[in-house]
Amino acid sequence: IKGPLGELSMDVPAYVNINQDPALPGPTLTVEDATDKKQKSMWGTTRA
């Protein structure tokens, strides 16, 4: 992630997908299996 104040890197779990849609103001996150408890909890954590 690059910006005017610097550059940061972040590790994202393999089952979390980041989609950059030009119509939306920012990136959107999805997970492979929305019913899995671990994936669901990491979805919100990764977004934050």
All heavy atoms as atom14 arrays in JSON, in Angstrom:
{
  "sequence": "IKGPLGELSMDVPAYVNINQDPALPGPTLTVEDATDKKQKSMWGTTRA",
  "atom14_mask": [
    [1, 1, 1, 1, 1, 1, 1, 1, 0, 0, 0, 0, 0, 0],
    [1, 1, 1, 1, 1, 1, 1, 1, 1, 0, 0, 0, 0, 0],
    [1, 1, 1, 1, 0, 0, 0, 0, 0, 0, 0, 0, 0, 0],
    [1, 1, 1, 1, 1, 1, 1, 0, 0, 0, 0, 0, 0, 0],
    [1, 1, 1, 1, 1, 1, 1, 1, 0, 0, 0, 0, 0, 0],
    [1, 1, 1, 1, 0, 0, 0, 0, 0, 0, 0, 0, 0, 0],
    [1, 1, 1, 1, 1, 1, 1, 1, 1, 0, 0, 0, 0, 0],
    [1, 1, 1, 1, 1, 1, 1, 1, 0, 0, 0, 0, 0, 0],
    [1, 1, 1, 1, 1, 1, 0, 0, 0, 0, 0, 0, 0, 0],
    [1, 1, 1, 1, 1, 1, 1, 1, 0, 0, 0, 0, 0, 0],
    [1, 1, 1, 1, 1, 1, 1, 1, 0, 0, 0, 0, 0, 0],
    [1, 1, 1, 1, 1, 1, 1, 0, 0, 0, 0, 0, 0, 0],
    [1, 1, 1, 1, 1, 1, 1, 0, 0, 0, 0, 0, 0, 0],
    [1, 1, 1, 1, 1, 0, 0, 0, 0, 0, 0, 0, 0, 0],
    [1, 1, 1, 1, 1, 1, 1, 1, 1, 1, 1, 1, 0, 0],
    [1, 1, 1, 1, 1, 1, 1, 0, 0, 0, 0, 0, 0, 0],
    [1, 1, 1, 1, 1, 1, 1, 1, 0, 0, 0, 0, 0, 0],
    [1, 1, 1, 1, 1, 1, 1, 1, 0, 0, 0, 0, 0, 0],
    [1, 1, 1, 1, 1, 1, 1, 1, 0, 0, 0, 0, 0, 0],
    [1, 1, 1, 1, 1, 1, 1, 1, 1, 0, 0, 0, 0, 0],
    [1, 1, 1, 1, 1, 1, 1, 1, 0, 0, 0, 0, 0, 0],
    [1, 1, 1, 1, 1, 1, 1, 0, 0, 0, 0, 0, 0, 0],
    [1, 1, 1, 1, 1, 0, 0, 0, 0, 0, 0, 0, 0, 0],
    [1, 1, 1, 1, 1, 1, 1, 1, 0, 0, 0, 0, 0, 0],
    [1, 1, 1, 1, 1, 1, 1, 0, 0, 0, 0, 0, 0, 0],
    [1, 1, 1, 1, 0, 0, 0, 0, 0, 0, 0, 0, 0, 0],
    [1, 1, 1, 1, 1, 1, 1, 0, 0, 0, 0, 0, 0, 0],
    [1, 1, 1, 1, 1, 1, 1, 0, 0, 0, 0, 0, 0, 0],
    [1, 1, 1, 1, 1, 1, 1, 1, 0, 0, 0, 0, 0, 0],
    [1, 1, 1, 1, 1, 1, 1, 0, 0, 0, 0, 0, 0, 0],
    [1, 1, 1, 1, 1, 1, 1, 0, 0, 0, 0, 0, 0, 0],
    [1, 1, 1, 1, 1, 1, 1, 1, 1, 0, 0, 0, 0, 0],
    [1, 1, 1, 1, 1, 1, 1, 1, 0, 0, 0, 0, 0, 0],
    [1, 1, 1, 1, 1, 0, 0, 0, 0, 0, 0, 0, 0, 0],
    [1, 1, 1, 1, 1, 1, 1, 0, 0, 0, 0, 0, 0, 0],
    [1, 1, 1, 1, 1, 1, 1, 1, 0, 0, 0, 0, 0, 0],
    [1, 1, 1, 1, 1, 1, 1, 1, 1, 0, 0, 0, 0, 0],
    [1, 1, 1, 1, 1, 1, 1, 1, 1, 0, 0, 0, 0, 0],
    [1, 1, 1, 1, 1, 1, 1, 1, 1, 0, 0, 0, 0, 0],
    [1, 1, 1, 1, 1, 1, 1, 1, 1, 0, 0, 0, 0, 0],
    [1, 1, 1, 1, 1, 1, 0, 0, 0, 0, 0, 0, 0, 0],
    [1, 1, 1, 1, 1, 1, 1, 1, 0, 0, 0, 0, 0, 0],
    [1, 1, 1, 1, 1, 1, 1, 1, 1, 1, 1, 1, 1, 1],
    [1, 1, 1, 1, 0, 0, 0, 0, 0, 0, 0, 0, 0, 0],
    [1, 1, 1, 1, 1, 1, 1, 0, 0, 0, 0, 0, 0, 0],
    [1, 1, 1, 1, 1, 1, 1, 0, 0, 0, 0, 0, 0, 0],
    [1, 1, 1, 1, 1, 1, 1, 1, 1, 1, 1, 0, 0, 0],
    [1, 1, 1, 1, 1, 0, 0, 0, 0, 0, 0, 0, 0, 0]
  ],
  "atom14_positions": [
    [[0.86, -1.17, 0.0], [0.0, 0.0, 0.0], [0.9, 1.22, 0.0], [1.72, 1.39, 0.9], [-0.93, 0.0, 1.23], [-1.74, -1.29, 1.25], [-1.83, 1.22, 1.22], [-2.41, -1.58, 2.55], [0.0, 0.0, 0.0], [0.0, 0.0, 0.0], [0.0, 0.0, 0.0], [0.0, 0.0, 0.0], [0.0, 0.0, 0.0], [0.0, 0.0, 0.0]],
    [[0.75, 2.08, -1.02], [1.59, 3.27, -1.16], [0.73, 4.51, -1.01], [-0.42, 4.53, -1.43], [2.27, 3.28, -2.52], [3.23, 2.14, -2.73], [3.84, 2.17, -4.1], [4.7, 0.92, -4.3], [5.23, 0.81, -5.65], [0.0, 0.0, 0.0], [0.0, 0.0, 0.0], [0.0, 0.0, 0.0], [0.0, 0.0, 0.0], [0.0, 0.0, 0.0]],
    [[1.33, 5.55, -0.43], [0.64, 6.81, -0.26], [1.62, 7.94, -0.07], [2.84, 7.71, -0.07], [0.0, 0.0, 0.0], [0.0, 0.0, 0.0], [0.0, 0.0, 0.0], [0.0, 0.0, 0.0], [0.0, 0.0, 0.0], [0.0, 0.0, 0.0], [0.0, 0.0, 0.0], [0.0, 0.0, 0.0], [0.0, 0.0, 0.0], [0.0, 0.0, 0.0]],
    [[1.14, 9.15, 0.14], [2.04, 10.3, 0.29], [2.91, 10.23, 1.56], [3.98, 10.82, 1.61], [1.1, 11.5, 0.33], [-0.25, 10.96, 0.6], [-0.26, 9.54, 0.15], [0.0, 0.0, 0.0], [0.0, 0.0, 0.0], [0.0, 0.0, 0.0], [0.0, 0.0, 0.0], [0.0, 0.0, 0.0], [0.0, 0.0, 0.0], [0.0, 0.0, 0.0]],
    [[2.45, 9.5, 2.58], [3.23, 9.41, 3.82], [4.13, 8.19, 3.89], [4.79, 7.98, 4.9], [2.28, 9.42, 5.03], [1.47, 10.7, 5.22], [0.58, 10.57, 6.42], [2.39, 11.89, 5.37], [0.0, 0.0, 0.0], [0.0, 0.0, 0.0], [0.0, 0.0, 0.0], [0.0, 0.0, 0.0], [0.0, 0.0, 0.0], [0.0, 0.0, 0.0]],
    [[4.14, 7.37, 2.86], [5.03, 6.22, 2.87], [4.42, 5.0, 2.21], [3.46, 5.1, 1.46], [0.0, 0.0, 0.0], [0.0, 0.0, 0.0], [0.0, 0.0, 0.0], [0.0, 0.0, 0.0], [0.0, 0.0, 0.0], [0.0, 0.0, 0.0], [0.0, 0.0, 0.0], [0.0, 0.0, 0.0], [0.0, 0.0, 0.0], [0.0, 0.0, 0.0]],
    [[5.01, 3.87, 2.55], [4.58, 2.61, 1.97], [4.52, 1.56, 3.07], [5.41, 1.47, 3.9], [5.6, 2.19, 0.9], [5.29, 0.9, 0.21], [6.32, 0.57, -0.87], [6.84, 1.48, -1.52], [6.58, -0.63, -1.03], [0.0, 0.0, 0.0], [0.0, 0.0, 0.0], [0.0, 0.0, 0.0], [0.0, 0.0, 0.0], [0.0, 0.0, 0.0]],
    [[3.44, 0.8, 3.08], [3.26, -0.27, 4.05], [2.94, -1.57, 3.33], [2.33, -1.56, 2.25], [2.12, 0.05, 5.02], [2.31, 1.22, 5.97], [1.04, 1.46, 6.75], [3.46, 0.97, 6.91], [0.0, 0.0, 0.0], [0.0, 0.0, 0.0], [0.0, 0.0, 0.0], [0.0, 0.0, 0.0], [0.0, 0.0, 0.0], [0.0, 0.0, 0.0]],
    [[3.35, -2.68, 3.9], [2.99, -3.98, 3.35], [2.19, -4.75, 4.39], [2.35, -4.54, 5.59], [4.24, -4.76, 2.94], [5.04, -5.01, 4.07], [0.0, 0.0, 0.0], [0.0, 0.0, 0.0], [0.0, 0.0, 0.0], [0.0, 0.0, 0.0], [0.0, 0.0, 0.0], [0.0, 0.0, 0.0], [0.0, 0.0, 0.0], [0.0, 0.0, 0.0]],
    [[1.34, -5.64, 3.9], [0.44, -6.36, 4.78], [0.27, -7.78, 4.26], [0.09, -7.98, 3.06], [-0.9, -5.63, 4.8], [-1.95, -6.25, 5.63], [-3.42, -5.22, 5.55], [-4.65, -6.48, 5.63], [0.0, 0.0, 0.0], [0.0, 0.0, 0.0], [0.0, 0.0, 0.0], [0.0, 0.0, 0.0], [0.0, 0.0, 0.0], [0.0, 0.0, 0.0]],
    [[0.33, -8.76, 5.15], [0.09, -10.16, 4.77], [-1.41, -10.43, 4.82], [-2.08, -10.14, 5.82], [0.81, -11.11, 5.72], [2.33, -11.05, 5.54], [2.76, -10.72, 4.42], [3.06, -11.33, 6.5], [0.0, 0.0, 0.0], [0.0, 0.0, 0.0], [0.0, 0.0, 0.0], [0.0, 0.0, 0.0], [0.0, 0.0, 0.0], [0.0, 0.0, 0.0]],
    [[-1.93, -11.01, 3.74], [-3.36, -11.32, 3.64], [-3.49, -12.84, 3.51], [-2.78, -13.46, 2.72], [-3.98, -10.62, 2.4], [-5.44, -10.98, 2.25], [-3.81, -9.12, 2.51], [0.0, 0.0, 0.0], [0.0, 0.0, 0.0], [0.0, 0.0, 0.0], [0.0, 0.0, 0.0], [0.0, 0.0, 0.0], [0.0, 0.0, 0.0], [0.0, 0.0, 0.0]],
    [[-4.4, -13.47, 4.28], [-4.59, -14.92, 4.16], [-5.0, -15.3, 2.73], [-5.63, -14.51, 2.02], [-5.72, -15.22, 5.14], [-5.74, -14.09, 6.09], [-5.23, -12.91, 5.34], [0.0, 0.0, 0.0], [0.0, 0.0, 0.0], [0.0, 0.0, 0.0], [0.0, 0.0, 0.0], [0.0, 0.0, 0.0], [0.0, 0.0, 0.0], [0.0, 0.0, 0.0]],
    [[-4.67, -16.5, 2.32], [-4.92, -16.96, 0.95], [-6.41, -17.01, 0.6], [-6.79, -16.8, -0.55], [-4.29, -18.33, 0.73], [0.0, 0.0, 0.0], [0.0, 0.0, 0.0], [0.0, 0.0, 0.0], [0.0, 0.0, 0.0], [0.0, 0.0, 0.0], [0.0, 0.0, 0.0], [0.0, 0.0, 0.0], [0.0, 0.0, 0.0], [0.0, 0.0, 0.0]],
    [[-7.26, -17.26, 1.59], [-8.69, -17.39, 1.32], [-9.42, -16.04, 1.28], [-10.61, -15.99, 1.01], [-9.36, -18.32, 2.33], [-9.03, -18.02, 3.77], [-9.69, -17.03, 4.47], [-8.02, -18.73, 4.43], [-9.39, -16.75, 5.79], [-7.71, -18.46, 5.74], [-8.4, -17.47, 6.42], [-8.08, -17.2, 7.72], [0.0, 0.0, 0.0], [0.0, 0.0, 0.0]],
    [[-8.72, -14.92, 1.55], [-9.33, -13.59, 1.45], [-8.92, -12.98, 0.12], [-7.73, -12.9, -0.19], [-8.9, -12.69, 2.62], [-9.45, -11.28, 2.45], [-9.35, -13.27, 3.94], [0.0, 0.0, 0.0], [0.0, 0.0, 0.0], [0.0, 0.0, 0.0], [0.0, 0.0, 0.0], [0.0, 0.0, 0.0], [0.0, 0.0, 0.0], [0.0, 0.0, 0.0]],
    [[-9.9, -12.57, -0.68], [-9.64, -11.97, -1.99], [-9.93, -10.48, -1.95], [-10.97, -10.06, -1.43], [-10.52, -12.63, -3.06], [-10.32, -14.12, -3.12], [-9.19, -14.61, -3.09], [-11.42, -14.86, -3.16], [0.0, 0.0, 0.0], [0.0, 0.0, 0.0], [0.0, 0.0, 0.0], [0.0, 0.0, 0.0], [0.0, 0.0, 0.0], [0.0, 0.0, 0.0]],
    [[-9.02, -9.68, -2.52], [-9.2, -8.23, -2.59], [-9.57, -7.88, -4.03], [-8.81, -8.17, -4.95], [-7.93, -7.49, -2.15], [-7.56, -7.88, -0.72], [-8.12, -5.99, -2.27], [-6.25, -7.34, -0.24], [0.0, 0.0, 0.0], [0.0, 0.0, 0.0], [0.0, 0.0, 0.0], [0.0, 0.0, 0.0], [0.0, 0.0, 0.0], [0.0, 0.0, 0.0]],
    [[-10.74, -7.26, -4.22], [-11.21, -6.88, -5.54], [-11.23, -5.37, -5.65], [-11.8, -4.69, -4.8], [-12.62, -7.42, -5.79], [-12.69, -8.92, -5.59], [-11.79, -9.65, -5.98], [-13.75, -9.37, -4.93], [0.0, 0.0, 0.0], [0.0, 0.0, 0.0], [0.0, 0.0, 0.0], [0.0, 0.0, 0.0], [0.0, 0.0, 0.0], [0.0, 0.0, 0.0]],
    [[-10.62, -4.83, -6.68], [-10.6, -3.39, -6.91], [-11.57, -3.08, -8.05], [-11.25, -3.25, -9.21], [-9.18, -2.92, -7.26], [-9.03, -1.42, -7.4], [-9.27, -0.68, -6.09], [-8.9, -1.17, -5.03], [-9.91, 0.46, -6.16], [0.0, 0.0, 0.0], [0.0, 0.0, 0.0], [0.0, 0.0, 0.0], [0.0, 0.0, 0.0], [0.0, 0.0, 0.0]],
    [[-12.76, -2.63, -7.71], [-13.77, -2.28, -8.7], [-13.71, -0.77, -8.94], [-13.82, 0.01, -8.0], [-15.16, -2.67, -8.18], [-16.25, -2.5, -9.22], [-15.91, -2.23, -10.39], [-17.43, -2.65, -8.86], [0.0, 0.0, 0.0], [0.0, 0.0, 0.0], [0.0, 0.0, 0.0], [0.0, 0.0, 0.0], [0.0, 0.0, 0.0], [0.0, 0.0, 0.0]],
    [[-13.5, -0.33, -10.2], [-13.4, 1.11, -10.47], [-14.67, 1.88, -10.15], [-14.64, 3.07, -9.88], [-13.07, 1.2, -11.96], [-13.08, -0.17, -12.5], [-13.3, -1.13, -11.39], [0.0, 0.0, 0.0], [0.0, 0.0, 0.0], [0.0, 0.0, 0.0], [0.0, 0.0, 0.0], [0.0, 0.0, 0.0], [0.0, 0.0, 0.0], [0.0, 0.0, 0.0]],
    [[-15.82, 1.23, -10.14], [-17.08, 1.91, -9.84], [-17.22, 2.22, -8.35], [-17.9, 3.17, -7.97], [-18.25, 1.05, -10.3], [0.0, 0.0, 0.0], [0.0, 0.0, 0.0], [0.0, 0.0, 0.0], [0.0, 0.0, 0.0], [0.0, 0.0, 0.0], [0.0, 0.0, 0.0], [0.0, 0.0, 0.0], [0.0, 0.0, 0.0], [0.0, 0.0, 0.0]],
    [[-16.55, 1.44, -7.5], [-16.64, 1.63, -6.05], [-15.48, 2.51, -5.57], [-14.42, 2.54, -6.19], [-16.61, 0.28, -5.34], [-17.78, -0.65, -5.64], [-17.55, -2.0, -5.0], [-19.08, -0.06, -5.12], [0.0, 0.0, 0.0], [0.0, 0.0, 0.0], [0.0, 0.0, 0.0], [0.0, 0.0, 0.0], [0.0, 0.0, 0.0], [0.0, 0.0, 0.0]],
    [[-15.66, 3.22, -4.45], [-14.61, 4.14, -3.99], [-13.34, 3.44, -3.47], [-12.27, 4.02, -3.49], [-15.29, 4.92, -2.87], [-16.43, 4.07, -2.43], [-16.85, 3.29, -3.63], [0.0, 0.0, 0.0], [0.0, 0.0, 0.0], [0.0, 0.0, 0.0], [0.0, 0.0, 0.0], [0.0, 0.0, 0.0], [0.0, 0.0, 0.0], [0.0, 0.0, 0.0]],
    [[-13.44, 2.21, -3.01], [-12.28, 1.52, -2.47], [-12.31, 0.04, -2.77], [-13.22, -0.45, -3.43], [0.0, 0.0, 0.0], [0.0, 0.0, 0.0], [0.0, 0.0, 0.0], [0.0, 0.0, 0.0], [0.0, 0.0, 0.0], [0.0, 0.0, 0.0], [0.0, 0.0, 0.0], [0.0, 0.0, 0.0], [0.0, 0.0, 0.0], [0.0, 0.0, 0.0]],
    [[-11.34, -0.71, -2.28], [-11.32, -2.15, -2.52], [-12.41, -2.87, -1.72], [-12.83, -2.4, -0.67], [-9.93, -2.57, -2.06], [-9.5, -1.51, -1.11], [-10.18, -0.25, -1.53], [0.0, 0.0, 0.0], [0.0, 0.0, 0.0], [0.0, 0.0, 0.0], [0.0, 0.0, 0.0], [0.0, 0.0, 0.0], [0.0, 0.0, 0.0], [0.0, 0.0, 0.0]],
    [[-12.85, -4.01, -2.25], [-13.81, -4.85, -1.53], [-13.16, -6.2, -1.24], [-12.33, -6.67, -2.02], [-15.1, -5.08, -2.35], [-14.74, -5.65, -3.61], [-15.85, -3.78, -2.58], [0.0, 0.0, 0.0], [0.0, 0.0, 0.0], [0.0, 0.0, 0.0], [0.0, 0.0, 0.0], [0.0, 0.0, 0.0], [0.0, 0.0, 0.0], [0.0, 0.0, 0.0]],
    [[-13.53, -6.79, -0.12], [-12.96, -8.07, 0.29], [-14.01, -9.15, 0.23], [-15.18, -8.93, 0.58], [-12.41, -7.98, 1.72], [-11.28, -6.99, 1.97], [-10.94, -6.97, 3.44], [-10.07, -7.34, 1.17], [0.0, 0.0, 0.0], [0.0, 0.0, 0.0], [0.0, 0.0, 0.0], [0.0, 0.0, 0.0], [0.0, 0.0, 0.0], [0.0, 0.0, 0.0]],
    [[-13.61, -10.33, -0.21], [-14.48, -11.5, -0.19], [-13.67, -12.69, 0.32], [-12.44, -12.66, 0.3], [-15.01, -11.84, -1.6], [-13.9, -12.02, -2.48], [-15.9, -10.73, -2.14], [0.0, 0.0, 0.0], [0.0, 0.0, 0.0], [0.0, 0.0, 0.0], [0.0, 0.0, 0.0], [0.0, 0.0, 0.0], [0.0, 0.0, 0.0], [0.0, 0.0, 0.0]],
    [[-14.38, -13.71, 0.8], [-13.72, -14.93, 1.24], [-14.25, -16.09, 0.4], [-15.31, -16.0, -0.21], [-13.96, -15.22, 2.75], [-13.2, -14.25, 3.62], [-15.42, -15.2, 3.09], [0.0, 0.0, 0.0], [0.0, 0.0, 0.0], [0.0, 0.0, 0.0], [0.0, 0.0, 0.0], [0.0, 0.0, 0.0], [0.0, 0.0, 0.0], [0.0, 0.0, 0.0]],
    [[-13.49, -17.2, 0.39], [-13.88, -18.35, -0.42], [-15.12, -19.04, 0.12], [-16.02, -19.4, -0.62], [-12.7, -19.34, -0.5], [-11.53, -18.79, -1.29], [-10.31, -19.7, -1.22], [-10.36, -20.73, -0.53], [-9.31, -19.35, -1.86], [0.0, 0.0, 0.0], [0.0, 0.0, 0.0], [0.0, 0.0, 0.0], [0.0, 0.0, 0.0], [0.0, 0.0, 0.0]],
    [[-15.18, -19.23, 1.47], [-16.32, -19.91, 2.09], [-16.87, -19.03, 3.21], [-16.28, -18.94, 4.28], [-15.88, -21.27, 2.64], [-17.04, -22.06, 3.23], [-18.2, -21.69, 2.98], [-16.76, -23.05, 3.94], [0.0, 0.0, 0.0], [0.0, 0.0, 0.0], [0.0, 0.0, 0.0], [0.0, 0.0, 0.0], [0.0, 0.0, 0.0], [0.0, 0.0, 0.0]],
    [[-17.97, -18.36, 2.96], [-18.54, -17.42, 3.93], [-19.18, -18.12, 5.13], [-19.53, -17.47, 6.11], [-19.57, -16.53, 3.25], [0.0, 0.0, 0.0], [0.0, 0.0, 0.0], [0.0, 0.0, 0.0], [0.0, 0.0, 0.0], [0.0, 0.0, 0.0], [0.0, 0.0, 0.0], [0.0, 0.0, 0.0], [0.0, 0.0, 0.0], [0.0, 0.0, 0.0]],
    [[-19.32, -19.46, 5.09], [-19.9, -20.18, 6.23], [-18.85, -20.67, 7.21], [-19.18, -21.02, 8.33], [-20.73, -21.39, 5.73], [-19.88, -22.26, 4.97], [-21.89, -20.93, 4.86], [0.0, 0.0, 0.0], [0.0, 0.0, 0.0], [0.0, 0.0, 0.0], [0.0, 0.0, 0.0], [0.0, 0.0, 0.0], [0.0, 0.0, 0.0], [0.0, 0.0, 0.0]],
    [[-17.58, -20.69, 6.8], [-16.49, -21.12, 7.68], [-16.23, -20.04, 8.73], [-16.04, -18.86, 8.4], [-15.23, -21.39, 6.85], [-14.08, -21.93, 7.7], [-14.37, -22.53, 8.75], [-12.92, -21.72, 7.32], [0.0, 0.0, 0.0], [0.0, 0.0, 0.0], [0.0, 0.0, 0.0], [0.0, 0.0, 0.0], [0.0, 0.0, 0.0], [0.0, 0.0, 0.0]],
    [[-16.22, -20.44, 10.01], [-16.1, -19.48, 11.11], [-14.77, -18.72, 11.07], [-14.75, -17.5, 11.27], [-16.25, -20.23, 12.44], [-16.35, -19.31, 13.63], [-16.64, -20.08, 14.89], [-16.77, -19.14, 16.06], [-17.11, -19.83, 17.28], [0.0, 0.0, 0.0], [0.0, 0.0, 0.0], [0.0, 0.0, 0.0], [0.0, 0.0, 0.0], [0.0, 0.0, 0.0]],
    [[-13.67, -19.41, 10.82], [-12.35, -18.76, 10.79], [-12.25, -17.77, 9.64], [-11.76, -16.65, 9.8], [-11.24, -19.8, 10.69], [-9.85, -19.19, 10.68], [-8.79, -20.26, 10.73], [-7.41, -19.71, 10.53], [-6.9, -18.91, 11.59], [0.0, 0.0, 0.0], [0.0, 0.0, 0.0], [0.0, 0.0, 0.0], [0.0, 0.0, 0.0], [0.0, 0.0, 0.0]],
    [[-12.74, -18.17, 8.46], [-12.68, -17.27, 7.31], [-13.57, -16.04, 7.53], [-13.19, -14.92, 7.18], [-13.11, -18.0, 6.03], [-12.08, -19.0, 5.55], [-12.43, -19.59, 4.2], [-13.2, -19.02, 3.45], [-11.84, -20.74, 3.9], [0.0, 0.0, 0.0], [0.0, 0.0, 0.0], [0.0, 0.0, 0.0], [0.0, 0.0, 0.0], [0.0, 0.0, 0.0]],
    [[-14.72, -16.25, 8.15], [-15.63, -15.14, 8.42], [-15.0, -14.14, 9.39], [-15.1, -12.93, 9.19], [-16.93, -15.69, 9.01], [-18.17, -15.21, 8.32], [-19.34, -16.04, 8.74], [-20.29, -15.22, 9.56], [-21.52, -15.93, 9.87], [0.0, 0.0, 0.0], [0.0, 0.0, 0.0], [0.0, 0.0, 0.0], [0.0, 0.0, 0.0], [0.0, 0.0, 0.0]],
    [[-14.33, -14.64, 10.43], [-13.72, -13.74, 11.41], [-12.52, -13.01, 10.81], [-12.3, -11.83, 11.09], [-13.33, -14.51, 12.66], [-12.34, -15.48, 12.37], [0.0, 0.0, 0.0], [0.0, 0.0, 0.0], [0.0, 0.0, 0.0], [0.0, 0.0, 0.0], [0.0, 0.0, 0.0], [0.0, 0.0, 0.0], [0.0, 0.0, 0.0], [0.0, 0.0, 0.0]],
    [[-11.74, -13.69, 9.98], [-10.58, -13.05, 9.36], [-11.0, -12.06, 8.27], [-10.24, -11.16, 7.92], [-9.62, -14.09, 8.78], [-8.84, -14.83, 9.84], [-7.93, -13.74, 10.95], [-6.75, -13.03, 9.84], [0.0, 0.0, 0.0], [0.0, 0.0, 0.0], [0.0, 0.0, 0.0], [0.0, 0.0, 0.0], [0.0, 0.0, 0.0], [0.0, 0.0, 0.0]],
    [[-12.18, -12.21, 7.73], [-12.71, -11.3, 6.73], [-12.78, -9.88, 7.29], [-12.22, -8.94, 6.75], [-14.09, -11.8, 6.33], [-14.76, -11.19, 5.15], [-14.29, -10.18, 4.34], [-16.04, -11.54, 4.63], [-15.2, -9.9, 3.37], [-16.29, -10.73, 3.52], [-16.99, -12.48, 4.99], [-17.45, -10.82, 2.77], [-18.14, -12.58, 4.25], [-18.37, -11.75, 3.15]],
    [[-13.44, -9.73, 8.43], [-13.56, -8.42, 9.07], [-12.24, -7.9, 9.6], [-11.95, -6.7, 9.53], [0.0, 0.0, 0.0], [0.0, 0.0, 0.0], [0.0, 0.0, 0.0], [0.0, 0.0, 0.0], [0.0, 0.0, 0.0], [0.0, 0.0, 0.0], [0.0, 0.0, 0.0], [0.0, 0.0, 0.0], [0.0, 0.0, 0.0], [0.0, 0.0, 0.0]],
    [[-11.43, -8.8, 10.17], [-10.14, -8.38, 10.7], [-9.23, -7.86, 9.61], [-8.6, -6.82, 9.75], [-9.47, -9.58, 11.42], [-10.34, -10.05, 12.44], [-8.15, -9.18, 12.03], [0.0, 0.0, 0.0], [0.0, 0.0, 0.0], [0.0, 0.0, 0.0], [0.0, 0.0, 0.0], [0.0, 0.0, 0.0], [0.0, 0.0, 0.0], [0.0, 0.0, 0.0]],
    [[-9.18, -8.57, 8.49], [-8.35, -8.16, 7.37], [-8.84, -6.83, 6.8], [-8.05, -5.95, 6.46], [-8.36, -9.23, 6.26], [-7.97, -10.48, 6.83], [-7.41, -8.87, 5.14], [0.0, 0.0, 0.0], [0.0, 0.0, 0.0], [0.0, 0.0, 0.0], [0.0, 0.0, 0.0], [0.0, 0.0, 0.0], [0.0, 0.0, 0.0], [0.0, 0.0, 0.0]],
    [[-10.17, -6.65, 6.73], [-10.73, -5.4, 6.25], [-10.32, -4.23, 7.14], [-9.93, -3.17, 6.67], [-12.26, -5.48, 6.17], [-12.89, -4.27, 5.49], [-14.25, -3.91, 6.05], [-14.26, -3.58, 7.45], [-13.92, -2.4, 7.95], [-13.48, -1.43, 7.18], [-13.99, -2.18, 9.24], [0.0, 0.0, 0.0], [0.0, 0.0, 0.0], [0.0, 0.0, 0.0]],
    [[-10.36, -4.43, 8.47], [-10.0, -3.38, 9.41], [-8.51, -3.04, 9.3], [-8.13, -1.86, 9.29], [-10.35, -3.81, 10.83], [0.0, 0.0, 0.0], [0.0, 0.0, 0.0], [0.0, 0.0, 0.0], [0.0, 0.0, 0.0], [0.0, 0.0, 0.0], [0.0, 0.0, 0.0], [0.0, 0.0, 0.0], [0.0, 0.0, 0.0], [0.0, 0.0, 0.0]]
  ]
}
